Amino acid sequence: MISRNPRLGALKAGYLFPEIARRRREFAAAYPEDPAKPETRIISLGVGNTTEPILPHIDRGLIEGARQLGVPEGYSGYQDEGLLELREKISRVFYPETGGDPFSADEIFISDGAKCDIGRLQLLFGPDSKVAVQDPSYPVYVDGSVLTGAAGPWTGEGYGGISYLPCTAENSYFPDLSKLQENSVFYFCSPNNPTGAVAAKAQLEELVTAAKKKGCLIVFDAAYAEYIRDPALPKTIFAIPGARECAVEVNSFSKPAGFTGVRLGWTVVPKELHYAGGESINADWNRVMGTIFNGASNIAQAGGLAALSPEGLQEIRQLCDFYLGNAKCIRTALEGLGVSCVGGDNSPYIWARFPGRDSWDVFAEILKSCRVLTTPGAGFGPSGQSFIRFSAFGHRQDVEEACERLGKLGQR
């Protein structure tokens, strides 16, 4: 019988979100919901999955994209790199002023989502690459590195082959870049998931300077960029001069346009990027995408084009503002209980601190006493211990009820 890939065995037990779902099922079995008692219903402020319907103009774009496939003149097949019009529009809308000319279409690759691209990107670097992550960080950065072999054994605190750069309240949730190893692939997310912190321009300038000095490649995850409301905060790493020589950027329609189920994203790979030997990273990424991916759904791409029209961009802002309104409710409720928080102003996540306490214990307490589902910070890395991530993705009525229930935490 064929042998198992040993790297699968190297993954620590349970990806975070399936583990949360398992614990929710166990709790629901022990404490069943009673349809006659609305207060027994579990409300989720945990997983970052959008809940509101796709808004009308963007929805019509999806419908029209499907209709076009039903007529000879509108039918289209494989689009490996993505529709040319969509790639050009992404460049004009999101990267109009990036320290040079807008990106050309062949520097923008359309995909089925940022998470998928983050996993595929690791094929470029191989098992001998050094990996660094913010701590805490989105789990796919670490788990994807383990699957490619670019990580040591699990130590109980982290993987021995991965550098964890703590992002804590003490350093304003920005890592000490003096600890960044040379020639590393550094996964960096702003607005950050899970902390909700957003890197300032000066911090990103420091990041680009350090990456160029140390020969590192930044994988910049900008999936929540459209939630930034402070004009002083950059929405893209390419707002920083020099980033084209040391960074790729991953982004997505999932959270700003409600495409979590539609699946559409993109990655920008500048032509200025090269490996140590001088080979083109852009050319290799083109080869990887053409080899193991045949392009995003043409229907989804039609929706993406609609989302980037003036009407669609207005709807994106409307949807993001709705979730930011949820975030404000959550943060206000927590701070009213004396809980220290970050995020929720330029991000849909609130990072709440419960000093000296185990994250999973706090998770269990909130679930039992409030019947509210959250995400334990320890699941995002060692520095997440004693924190809880609250997600603003939810129906407004549910969020308001959850915030009212959270008041029970102040009664303990």
Protein backbone atom coordinates (compact mmCIF):
# COMPACT_ATOMS: atom_id res chain seq x y z
CA MET A 1 0.00 0.00 0.00
CA ILE A 2 1.20 3.53 -0.77
CA SER A 3 2.86 5.41 2.08
CA ARG A 4 1.50 8.56 3.64
CA ASN A 5 3.24 11.88 3.06
CA PRO A 6 5.16 12.23 6.36
CA ARG A 7 4.62 15.98 6.34
CA LEU A 8 0.92 15.43 7.01
CA GLY A 9 1.93 13.62 10.19
CA ALA A 10 4.07 16.60 11.16
CA LEU A 11 1.04 18.89 11.40
CA LYS A 12 -0.06 19.48 14.96
CA ALA A 13 -3.37 17.87 15.76
CA GLY A 14 -6.36 19.67 14.29
CA TYR A 15 -6.51 22.77 12.14
CA LEU A 16 -7.83 25.56 14.36
CA PHE A 17 -11.27 26.12 12.86
CA PRO A 18 -12.32 22.46 12.56
CA GLU A 19 -11.24 22.10 16.20
CA ILE A 20 -13.50 25.00 17.17
CA ALA A 21 -16.35 23.37 15.25
CA ARG A 22 -15.73 20.09 17.08
CA ARG A 23 -15.88 21.78 20.48
CA ARG A 24 -19.03 23.59 19.48
CA ARG A 25 -20.68 20.28 18.58
CA GLU A 26 -19.66 18.77 21.90
CA PHE A 27 -21.05 21.76 23.78
CA ALA A 28 -24.32 21.69 21.82
CA ALA A 29 -24.71 18.00 22.61
CA ALA A 30 -24.18 18.62 26.33
CA TYR A 31 -26.26 21.83 26.44
CA PRO A 32 -28.84 21.56 23.61
CA GLU A 33 -30.52 24.57 22.13
CA ASP A 34 -34.22 24.91 22.93
CA PRO A 35 -36.21 26.44 20.02
CA ALA A 36 -38.68 27.82 22.55
CA LYS A 37 -35.86 29.68 24.34
CA PRO A 38 -33.98 32.04 21.98
CA GLU A 39 -31.41 32.72 24.69
CA THR A 40 -30.12 29.13 24.31
CA ARG A 41 -29.11 29.68 20.66
CA ILE A 42 -25.36 29.77 20.06
CA ILE A 43 -24.22 32.95 18.31
CA SER A 44 -20.92 32.82 16.45
CA LEU A 45 -18.40 35.66 16.65
CA GLY A 46 -15.68 33.20 15.80
CA VAL A 47 -14.85 32.18 12.24
CA GLY A 48 -14.27 35.02 9.79
CA ASN A 49 -16.98 34.03 7.32
CA THR A 50 -19.14 36.74 5.78
CA THR A 51 -22.88 36.56 6.47
CA GLU A 52 -24.60 39.32 4.47
CA PRO A 53 -25.99 38.84 0.94
CA ILE A 54 -23.94 40.00 -2.01
CA LEU A 55 -25.18 43.47 -2.87
CA PRO A 56 -27.35 44.02 -5.98
CA HIS A 57 -24.96 45.45 -8.57
CA ILE A 58 -22.27 42.86 -7.88
CA ASP A 59 -24.89 40.10 -7.78
CA ARG A 60 -26.16 41.16 -11.21
CA GLY A 61 -22.62 40.86 -12.50
CA LEU A 62 -22.47 37.24 -11.33
CA ILE A 63 -25.86 36.51 -12.90
CA GLU A 64 -24.82 38.08 -16.20
CA GLY A 65 -21.56 36.14 -16.14
CA ALA A 66 -23.50 32.89 -15.85
CA ARG A 67 -25.93 33.94 -18.59
CA GLN A 68 -23.09 34.73 -20.99
CA LEU A 69 -21.78 31.19 -20.72
CA GLY A 70 -25.11 29.95 -22.13
CA VAL A 71 -24.72 31.62 -25.52
CA PRO A 72 -22.07 30.97 -28.21
CA GLU A 73 -20.84 34.54 -28.39
CA GLY A 74 -20.44 34.79 -24.62
CA TYR A 75 -18.96 31.39 -23.82
CA SER A 76 -15.36 31.23 -22.57
CA GLY A 77 -13.16 28.39 -21.41
CA TYR A 78 -9.89 28.29 -19.50
CA GLN A 79 -8.49 31.62 -18.34
CA ASP A 80 -5.31 30.50 -16.59
CA GLU A 81 -3.97 33.88 -15.46
CA GLY A 82 -7.42 35.49 -15.31
CA LEU A 83 -9.45 37.72 -17.60
CA LEU A 84 -7.29 40.48 -19.05
CA GLU A 85 -9.92 43.13 -18.34
CA LEU A 86 -10.11 42.09 -14.68
CA ARG A 87 -6.34 42.15 -14.22
CA GLU A 88 -6.09 45.59 -15.81
CA LYS A 89 -8.95 46.87 -13.64
CA ILE A 90 -7.34 45.55 -10.44
CA SER A 91 -4.17 47.45 -11.35
CA ARG A 92 -6.05 50.70 -11.96
CA VAL A 93 -8.32 50.46 -8.90
CA PHE A 94 -5.96 49.13 -6.22
CA TYR A 95 -2.48 50.14 -7.38
CA PRO A 96 -2.75 53.58 -9.01
CA GLU A 97 0.15 55.10 -7.07
CA THR A 98 2.69 52.52 -6.01
CA GLY A 99 6.02 54.26 -6.39
CA GLY A 100 6.04 53.82 -10.16
CA ASP A 101 3.80 52.80 -13.03
CA PRO A 102 0.70 50.70 -12.32
CA PHE A 103 1.30 46.98 -12.60
CA SER A 104 0.99 45.36 -15.99
CA ALA A 105 -1.61 42.65 -16.49
CA ASP A 106 1.05 39.92 -16.53
CA GLU A 107 2.10 40.87 -13.01
CA ILE A 108 -1.41 40.21 -11.64
CA PHE A 109 -2.66 36.63 -11.38
CA ILE A 110 -6.33 35.89 -10.71
CA SER A 111 -7.09 32.96 -8.40
CA ASP A 112 -9.79 31.25 -6.37
CA GLY A 113 -8.84 33.13 -3.20
CA ALA A 114 -6.00 34.46 -1.10
CA LYS A 115 -5.76 31.39 1.13
CA CYS A 116 -5.33 29.13 -1.90
CA ASP A 117 -2.60 31.36 -3.33
CA ILE A 118 -0.74 31.48 -0.01
CA GLY A 119 -0.57 27.68 -0.10
CA ARG A 120 0.51 27.56 -3.75
CA LEU A 121 3.15 30.26 -3.30
CA GLN A 122 5.10 27.95 -1.03
CA LEU A 123 5.82 25.73 -4.02
CA LEU A 124 8.18 28.45 -5.24
CA PHE A 125 10.54 28.13 -2.29
CA GLY A 126 10.76 24.44 -1.43
CA PRO A 127 11.60 22.51 1.73
CA ASP A 128 14.95 24.19 2.34
CA SER A 129 13.56 27.71 2.59
CA LYS A 130 13.55 29.65 5.84
CA VAL A 131 10.14 30.82 6.99
CA ALA A 132 9.20 33.65 9.35
CA VAL A 133 5.74 34.61 10.55
CA GLN A 134 4.19 37.23 12.75
CA ASP A 135 3.15 35.68 16.04
CA PRO A 136 0.18 35.40 16.28
CA SER A 137 -0.61 34.73 12.63
CA TYR A 138 -3.17 33.18 10.31
CA PRO A 139 -2.67 29.37 10.56
CA VAL A 140 -2.20 28.68 6.83
CA TYR A 141 1.19 30.45 6.82
CA VAL A 142 2.53 27.90 9.28
CA ASP A 143 0.59 24.81 8.24
CA GLY A 144 1.34 25.38 4.55
CA SER A 145 5.04 25.64 5.39
CA VAL A 146 4.87 22.35 7.26
CA LEU A 147 3.26 20.64 4.27
CA THR A 148 6.08 21.78 1.97
CA GLY A 149 8.70 20.60 4.47
CA ALA A 150 9.93 24.08 5.35
CA ALA A 151 9.50 23.59 9.09
CA GLY A 152 11.05 21.57 11.88
CA PRO A 153 9.22 19.33 14.34
CA TRP A 154 6.41 20.54 16.59
CA THR A 155 7.86 21.57 19.94
CA GLY A 156 4.66 22.24 21.84
CA GLU A 157 5.10 25.99 21.37
CA GLY A 158 5.70 26.10 17.63
CA TYR A 159 7.65 24.44 14.80
CA GLY A 160 11.40 24.39 15.27
CA GLY A 161 12.15 25.45 11.69
CA ILE A 162 9.90 28.52 11.68
CA SER A 163 10.85 31.89 13.15
CA TYR A 164 8.03 33.36 15.20
CA LEU A 165 8.30 37.15 15.55
CA PRO A 166 6.11 38.21 18.49
CA CYS A 167 3.57 40.98 17.89
CA THR A 168 2.30 42.06 21.27
CA ALA A 169 0.84 45.09 23.00
CA GLU A 170 4.36 45.90 24.21
CA ASN A 171 5.67 46.38 20.66
CA SER A 172 2.42 47.83 19.24
CA TYR A 173 1.79 44.55 17.40
CA PHE A 174 4.72 45.12 15.04
CA PRO A 175 7.63 42.64 15.15
CA ASP A 176 11.23 43.25 16.08
CA LEU A 177 12.75 43.01 12.60
CA SER A 178 16.28 42.63 13.99
CA LYS A 179 15.21 39.03 14.69
CA LEU A 180 14.23 38.39 11.06
CA GLN A 181 16.62 35.79 9.65
CA GLU A 182 18.40 36.49 6.39
CA ASN A 183 16.98 34.95 3.20
CA SER A 184 13.60 34.18 4.79
CA VAL A 185 10.10 34.08 3.35
CA PHE A 186 8.25 36.40 5.73
CA TYR A 187 4.45 36.21 5.92
CA PHE A 188 3.04 39.57 6.94
CA CYS A 189 -0.64 40.51 7.20
CA SER A 190 -2.08 44.05 7.52
CA PRO A 191 -4.78 44.63 8.65
CA ASN A 192 -3.73 41.69 10.70
CA ASN A 193 -5.64 38.49 11.22
CA PRO A 194 -6.09 37.81 14.14
CA THR A 195 -5.04 40.97 16.02
CA GLY A 196 -6.83 43.58 13.90
CA ALA A 197 -3.72 45.79 14.10
CA VAL A 198 -2.77 47.81 11.01
CA ALA A 199 0.84 48.66 10.17
CA ALA A 200 1.63 52.35 9.81
CA LYS A 201 3.54 53.68 6.80
CA ALA A 202 6.75 54.10 8.81
CA GLN A 203 6.51 50.50 10.00
CA LEU A 204 6.06 49.19 6.46
CA GLU A 205 9.03 51.30 5.34
CA GLU A 206 11.05 49.62 8.08
CA LEU A 207 9.80 46.23 6.88
CA VAL A 208 10.80 46.84 3.26
CA THR A 209 14.20 48.17 4.30
CA ALA A 210 14.86 45.13 6.48
CA ALA A 211 13.71 42.70 3.77
CA LYS A 212 15.99 44.23 1.15
CA LYS A 213 18.94 44.35 3.52
CA LYS A 214 18.51 40.73 4.60
CA GLY A 215 17.54 39.26 1.22
CA CYS A 216 14.04 38.30 2.40
CA LEU A 217 10.83 37.97 0.42
CA ILE A 218 7.69 39.45 1.97
CA VAL A 219 4.41 37.65 1.29
CA PHE A 220 2.04 40.51 2.12
CA ASP A 221 -1.52 39.45 2.89
CA ALA A 222 -3.82 42.41 2.23
CA ALA A 223 -7.13 40.53 2.35
CA TYR A 224 -8.66 43.08 4.76
CA ALA A 225 -7.25 46.25 3.16
CA GLU A 226 -10.67 47.62 2.21
CA TYR A 227 -11.57 47.89 5.91
CA ILE A 228 -8.94 50.57 6.46
CA ARG A 229 -10.63 53.90 7.08
CA ASP A 230 -7.65 55.93 8.30
CA PRO A 231 -6.14 57.54 5.16
CA ALA A 232 -2.70 57.61 6.80
CA LEU A 233 -2.56 53.79 6.86
CA PRO A 234 -1.33 52.09 3.65
CA LYS A 235 -3.63 49.56 2.00
CA THR A 236 -0.83 47.90 0.03
CA ILE A 237 2.84 47.10 0.57
CA PHE A 238 3.47 48.63 -2.85
CA ALA A 239 2.73 52.08 -1.45
CA ILE A 240 6.27 51.77 -0.05
CA PRO A 241 9.18 52.52 -2.43
CA GLY A 242 11.36 49.48 -3.00
CA ALA A 243 8.62 46.94 -2.28
CA ARG A 244 8.57 45.77 -5.89
CA GLU A 245 12.03 44.27 -5.36
CA CYS A 246 11.14 42.30 -2.22
CA ALA A 247 7.42 41.57 -1.98
CA VAL A 248 4.45 39.80 -3.46
CA GLU A 249 0.94 40.76 -2.40
CA VAL A 250 -2.05 38.48 -1.97
CA ASN A 251 -5.57 39.88 -1.90
CA SER A 252 -9.16 38.73 -2.21
CA PHE A 253 -12.76 39.68 -2.94
CA SER A 254 -13.92 37.42 -0.09
CA LYS A 255 -14.21 39.84 2.81
CA PRO A 256 -14.85 43.18 1.04
CA ALA A 257 -17.38 41.88 -1.52
CA GLY A 258 -18.80 38.87 0.33
CA PHE A 259 -17.15 36.36 -2.01
CA THR A 260 -16.19 33.78 0.64
CA GLY A 261 -18.34 31.22 -1.19
CA VAL A 262 -17.84 32.63 -4.68
CA ARG A 263 -14.02 32.34 -4.43
CA LEU A 264 -12.01 35.01 -6.21
CA GLY A 265 -8.68 36.61 -5.38
CA TRP A 266 -5.41 37.72 -6.91
CA THR A 267 -1.67 37.84 -6.34
CA VAL A 268 0.67 40.58 -7.55
CA VAL A 269 4.14 39.30 -8.49
CA PRO A 270 6.31 42.18 -9.77
CA LYS A 271 8.75 41.51 -12.57
CA GLU A 272 11.49 43.13 -10.48
CA LEU A 273 11.44 40.12 -8.13
CA HIS A 274 14.27 37.61 -8.53
CA TYR A 275 15.72 34.68 -6.63
CA ALA A 276 19.29 34.76 -5.32
CA GLY A 277 20.43 33.18 -8.60
CA GLY A 278 18.75 35.86 -10.69
CA GLU A 279 15.84 33.78 -11.96
CA SER A 280 12.45 35.46 -12.34
CA ILE A 281 9.92 34.77 -9.58
CA ASN A 282 7.17 36.15 -11.84
CA ALA A 283 8.03 33.58 -14.54
CA ASP A 284 8.03 30.74 -12.02
CA TRP A 285 4.69 31.80 -10.55
CA ASN A 286 3.24 31.90 -14.05
CA ARG A 287 4.50 28.35 -14.57
CA VAL A 288 3.09 27.13 -11.22
CA MET A 289 -0.33 28.64 -11.92
CA GLY A 290 -0.42 27.22 -15.44
CA THR A 291 0.65 23.78 -14.21
CA ILE A 292 -1.64 23.15 -11.23
CA PHE A 293 -4.42 25.71 -11.72
CA ASN A 294 -6.68 26.43 -14.69
CA GLY A 295 -7.99 29.77 -13.53
CA ALA A 296 -10.79 31.09 -11.38
CA SER A 297 -14.42 30.60 -12.36
CA ASN A 298 -15.36 32.85 -15.24
CA ILE A 299 -18.65 33.58 -13.46
CA ALA A 300 -16.75 34.70 -10.36
CA GLN A 301 -14.53 36.91 -12.51
CA ALA A 302 -17.60 38.56 -14.03
CA GLY A 303 -18.67 39.33 -10.48
CA GLY A 304 -15.21 40.74 -9.80
CA LEU A 305 -15.51 43.09 -12.77
CA ALA A 306 -18.87 44.30 -11.45
CA ALA A 307 -17.33 44.80 -8.00
CA LEU A 308 -14.67 47.10 -9.44
CA SER A 309 -17.12 49.37 -11.26
CA PRO A 310 -18.07 52.64 -9.50
CA GLU A 311 -21.36 51.09 -8.33
CA GLY A 312 -19.59 47.95 -7.15
CA LEU A 313 -16.92 49.87 -5.23
CA GLN A 314 -19.69 51.82 -3.52
CA GLU A 315 -21.29 48.51 -2.50
CA ILE A 316 -17.95 47.20 -1.22
CA ARG A 317 -17.57 50.23 1.01
CA GLN A 318 -21.16 49.84 2.19
CA LEU A 319 -20.60 46.20 3.12
CA CYS A 320 -17.30 46.88 4.87
CA ASP A 321 -18.90 49.75 6.80
CA PHE A 322 -21.64 47.38 7.95
CA TYR A 323 -19.12 44.91 9.39
CA LEU A 324 -17.10 47.74 10.93
CA GLY A 325 -20.31 48.80 12.65
CA ASN A 326 -20.54 45.31 14.11
CA ALA A 327 -16.91 45.56 15.21
CA LYS A 328 -17.57 48.83 17.01
CA CYS A 329 -20.46 47.22 18.92
CA ILE A 330 -18.26 44.31 20.02
CA ARG A 331 -15.30 46.43 21.06
CA THR A 332 -17.52 48.87 22.95
CA ALA A 333 -19.15 45.98 24.85
CA LEU A 334 -15.80 44.45 25.78
CA GLU A 335 -14.19 47.71 26.83
CA GLY A 336 -17.26 48.41 28.93
CA LEU A 337 -16.33 45.27 30.88
CA GLY A 338 -12.77 46.52 31.35
CA VAL A 339 -11.33 44.20 28.69
CA SER A 340 -8.33 45.64 26.82
CA CYS A 341 -8.80 45.44 23.03
CA VAL A 342 -7.12 46.28 19.74
CA GLY A 343 -8.65 46.24 16.25
CA GLY A 344 -12.23 46.81 15.21
CA ASP A 345 -11.60 50.31 13.83
CA ASN A 346 -9.73 49.57 10.58
CA SER A 347 -10.34 45.83 10.72
CA PRO A 348 -13.25 43.41 11.23
CA TYR A 349 -11.42 41.63 14.07
CA ILE A 350 -11.16 42.57 17.75
CA TRP A 351 -8.26 41.13 19.76
CA ALA A 352 -9.27 40.99 23.41
CA ARG A 353 -6.83 40.37 26.26
CA PHE A 354 -7.56 38.23 29.33
CA PRO A 355 -4.25 38.45 31.25
CA GLY A 356 -2.90 35.31 32.84
CA ARG A 357 -5.65 33.10 31.48
CA ASP A 358 -5.55 30.19 29.04
CA SER A 359 -7.23 31.09 25.73
CA TRP A 360 -9.12 27.82 25.46
CA ASP A 361 -10.39 28.22 29.03
CA VAL A 362 -11.72 31.71 28.21
CA PHE A 363 -13.22 30.35 24.99
CA ALA A 364 -15.04 27.67 27.00
CA GLU A 365 -16.25 30.17 29.60
CA ILE A 366 -17.68 32.55 27.01
CA LEU A 367 -19.36 29.68 25.22
CA LYS A 368 -20.89 28.27 28.40
CA SER A 369 -21.90 31.49 30.17
CA CYS A 370 -22.86 33.58 27.11
CA ARG A 371 -23.46 30.92 24.44
CA VAL A 372 -21.22 32.97 22.16
CA LEU A 373 -18.61 31.25 19.97
CA THR A 374 -15.21 32.95 19.66
CA THR A 375 -11.70 32.00 18.58
CA PRO A 376 -8.95 31.30 21.16
CA GLY A 377 -5.82 33.34 20.51
CA ALA A 378 -3.51 30.41 21.28
CA GLY A 379 -4.66 28.83 18.02
CA PHE A 380 -2.82 31.57 16.13
CA GLY A 381 0.57 31.06 17.77
CA PRO A 382 2.39 31.27 21.11
CA SER A 383 1.86 35.02 21.51
CA GLY A 384 -1.88 34.53 21.17
CA GLN A 385 -2.12 32.91 24.58
CA SER A 386 -4.47 34.83 26.93
CA PHE A 387 -6.24 36.48 23.97
CA ILE A 388 -9.57 35.90 22.25
CA ARG A 389 -10.36 36.94 18.69
CA PHE A 390 -13.86 38.27 18.09
CA SER A 391 -15.09 38.40 14.49
CA ALA A 392 -17.45 41.13 13.30
CA PHE A 393 -18.87 38.94 10.55
CA GLY A 394 -22.47 38.38 11.56
CA HIS A 395 -26.02 39.67 11.25
CA ARG A 396 -26.45 42.92 13.16
CA GLN A 397 -29.25 41.56 15.35
CA ASP A 398 -27.08 38.57 16.33
CA VAL A 399 -24.09 40.78 17.08
CA GLU A 400 -26.15 43.09 19.27
CA GLU A 401 -27.60 40.14 21.16
CA ALA A 402 -24.12 38.62 21.58
CA CYS A 403 -22.82 41.92 22.95
CA GLU A 404 -25.65 41.99 25.47
CA ARG A 405 -24.85 38.43 26.53
CA LEU A 406 -21.16 39.29 26.97
CA GLY A 407 -22.23 41.40 29.92
CA LYS A 408 -22.43 38.15 31.87
CA LEU A 409 -18.64 38.04 31.84
CA GLY A 410 -18.64 41.07 34.11
CA GLN A 411 -20.76 39.17 36.65
CA ARG A 412 -18.26 36.42 37.31
